[in-house]
C-alpha atoms as a PDB file:
ATOM      1  CA  UNK A   1       0.204   0.566  -0.141  1.00  0.00           C
ATOM      2  CA  UNK A   2       0.928   3.563  -0.829  1.00  0.00           C
ATOM      3  CA  UNK A   3       0.878   6.076   2.213  1.00  0.00           C
ATOM      4  CA  UNK A   4      -2.380   7.395   1.081  1.00  0.00           C
ATOM      5  CA  UNK A   5      -4.322   4.172   0.850  1.00  0.00           C
ATOM      6  CA  UNK A   6      -2.655   3.049   4.384  1.00  0.00           C
ATOM      7  CA  UNK A   7      -4.304   6.634   5.940  1.00  0.00           C
ATOM      8  CA  UNK A   8      -6.908   5.790   4.127  1.00  0.00           C
ATOM      9  CA  UNK A   9      -7.168   1.945   5.212  1.00  0.00           C
ATOM     10  CA  UNK A  10      -6.753   3.180   8.687  1.00  0.00           C
ATOM     11  CA  UNK A  11      -9.476   5.465   8.999  1.00  0.00           C
ATOM     12  CA  UNK A  12     -11.629   3.001   7.515  1.00  0.00           C
ATOM     13  CA  UNK A  13     -10.500   0.550  10.159  1.00  0.00           C
ATOM     14  CA  UNK A  14     -11.171   3.273  12.711  1.00  0.00           C
ATOM     15  CA  UNK A  15     -14.668   3.463  11.370  1.00  0.00           C
ATOM     16  CA  UNK A  16     -15.713   0.602  10.602  1.00  0.00           C
ATOM     17  CA  UNK A  17     -15.005  -1.727  13.474  1.00  0.00           C
ATOM     18  CA  UNK A  18     -15.270   1.978  16.221  1.00  0.00           C
ATOM     19  CA  UNK A  19     -11.691   1.957  17.085  1.00  0.00           C
ATOM     20  CA  UNK A  20      -9.328   4.693  18.377  1.00  0.00           C
ATOM     21  CA  UNK A  21      -6.166   3.774  18.651  1.00  0.00           C
ATOM     22  CA  UNK A  22      -4.500   4.574  15.484  1.00  0.00           C
ATOM     23  CA  UNK A  23      -0.392   3.896  16.636  1.00  0.00           C
ATOM     24  CA  UNK A  24      -1.595   0.177  18.188  1.00  0.00           C
ATOM     25  CA  UNK A  25      -4.009  -0.691  14.624  1.00  0.00           C
ATOM     26  CA  UNK A  26      -0.763   0.504  11.972  1.00  0.00           C
ATOM     27  CA  UNK A  27       1.429  -1.369  14.492  1.00  0.00           C
ATOM     28  CA  UNK A  28      -0.668  -4.822  15.208  1.00  0.00           C
ATOM     29  CA  UNK A  29      -2.462  -4.956  12.110  1.00  0.00           C
ATOM     30  CA  UNK A  30      -1.763  -3.721   9.666  1.00  0.00           C
ATOM     31  CA  UNK A  31       2.621  -3.457  10.318  1.00  0.00           C
ATOM     32  CA  UNK A  32       2.550  -6.800  12.508  1.00  0.00           C
ATOM     33  CA  UNK A  33       0.016  -8.659  10.150  1.00  0.00           C
ATOM     34  CA  UNK A  34      -1.762  -9.616  14.104  1.00  0.00           C
ATOM     35  CA  UNK A  35      -5.854  -8.856  13.044  1.00  0.00           C
ATOM     36  CA  UNK A  36      -8.284 -10.384  15.316  1.00  0.00           C
ATOM     37  CA  UNK A  37     -10.302 -13.449  14.094  1.00  0.00           C
ATOM     38  CA  UNK A  38     -13.684 -11.348  14.373  1.00  0.00           C
ATOM     39  CA  UNK A  39     -12.258  -8.962  12.139  1.00  0.00           C
ATOM     40  CA  UNK A  40     -10.577  -9.735   9.787  1.00  0.00           C
ATOM     41  CA  UNK A  41     -12.420 -11.403   6.319  1.00  0.00           C
ATOM     42  CA  UNK A  42     -13.853  -7.358   6.468  1.00  0.00           C
ATOM     43  CA  UNK A  43     -10.241  -5.903   7.144  1.00  0.00           C
ATOM     44  CA  UNK A  44      -9.689  -7.902   4.077  1.00  0.00           C
ATOM     45  CA  UNK A  45     -12.087  -7.115   1.819  1.00  0.00           C
ATOM     46  CA  UNK A  46     -12.020  -3.546   3.090  1.00  0.00           C
ATOM     47  CA  UNK A  47      -8.083  -3.456   1.970  1.00  0.00           C
ATOM     48  CA  UNK A  48      -8.574  -4.824  -1.121  1.00  0.00           C
ATOM     49  CA  UNK A  49     -10.492  -2.905  -2.324  1.00  0.00           C
ATOM     50  CA  UNK A  50      -8.541   0.118  -1.134  1.00  0.00           C
ATOM     51  CA  UNK A  51      -5.311  -1.443  -3.207  1.00  0.00           C
ATOM     52  CA  UNK A  52      -7.968  -2.191  -5.978  1.00  0.00           C
ATOM     53  CA  UNK A  53      -8.510   1.851  -5.357  1.00  0.00           C
ATOM     54  CA  UNK A  54      -4.628   2.419  -5.800  1.00  0.00           C
ATOM     55  CA  UNK A  55      -4.049   0.130  -8.709  1.00  0.00           C
ATOM     56  CA  UNK A  56      -6.819   1.604 -10.736  1.00  0.00           C
ATOM     57  CA  UNK A  57      -4.346   4.886 -10.244  1.00  0.00           C
ATOM     58  CA  UNK A  58      -1.722   4.061 -11.062  1.00  0.00           C
ATOM     59  CA  UNK A  59      -3.006   2.327 -14.280  1.00  0.00           C
ATOM     60  CA  UNK A  60      -4.797   6.075 -15.898  1.00  0.00           C
ATOM     61  CA  UNK A  61      -1.279   7.278 -14.291  1.00  0.00           C
ATOM     62  CA  UNK A  62       0.754   5.345 -17.092  1.00  0.00           C
ATOM     63  CA  UNK A  63      -1.745   6.273 -19.402  1.00  0.00           C
ATOM     64  CA  UNK A  64      -1.726   9.759 -18.993  1.00  0.00           C
ATOM     65  CA  UNK A  65       2.527  10.109 -19.901  1.00  0.00           C
END
């Protein structure tokens, strides 16, 4: 994930799961890969959608060159 997508993912996770500790989410979930089991399925969907959007934006940039 690029920086923008990572920040968006963090915001989405906080909103979706009503969490408030950015540092813990970043350290444990995003970097450490220790996503609580009850959140894993939805987190994967969020990440997949955001990465799809990121990929589409990169393709748009490549086409514009």
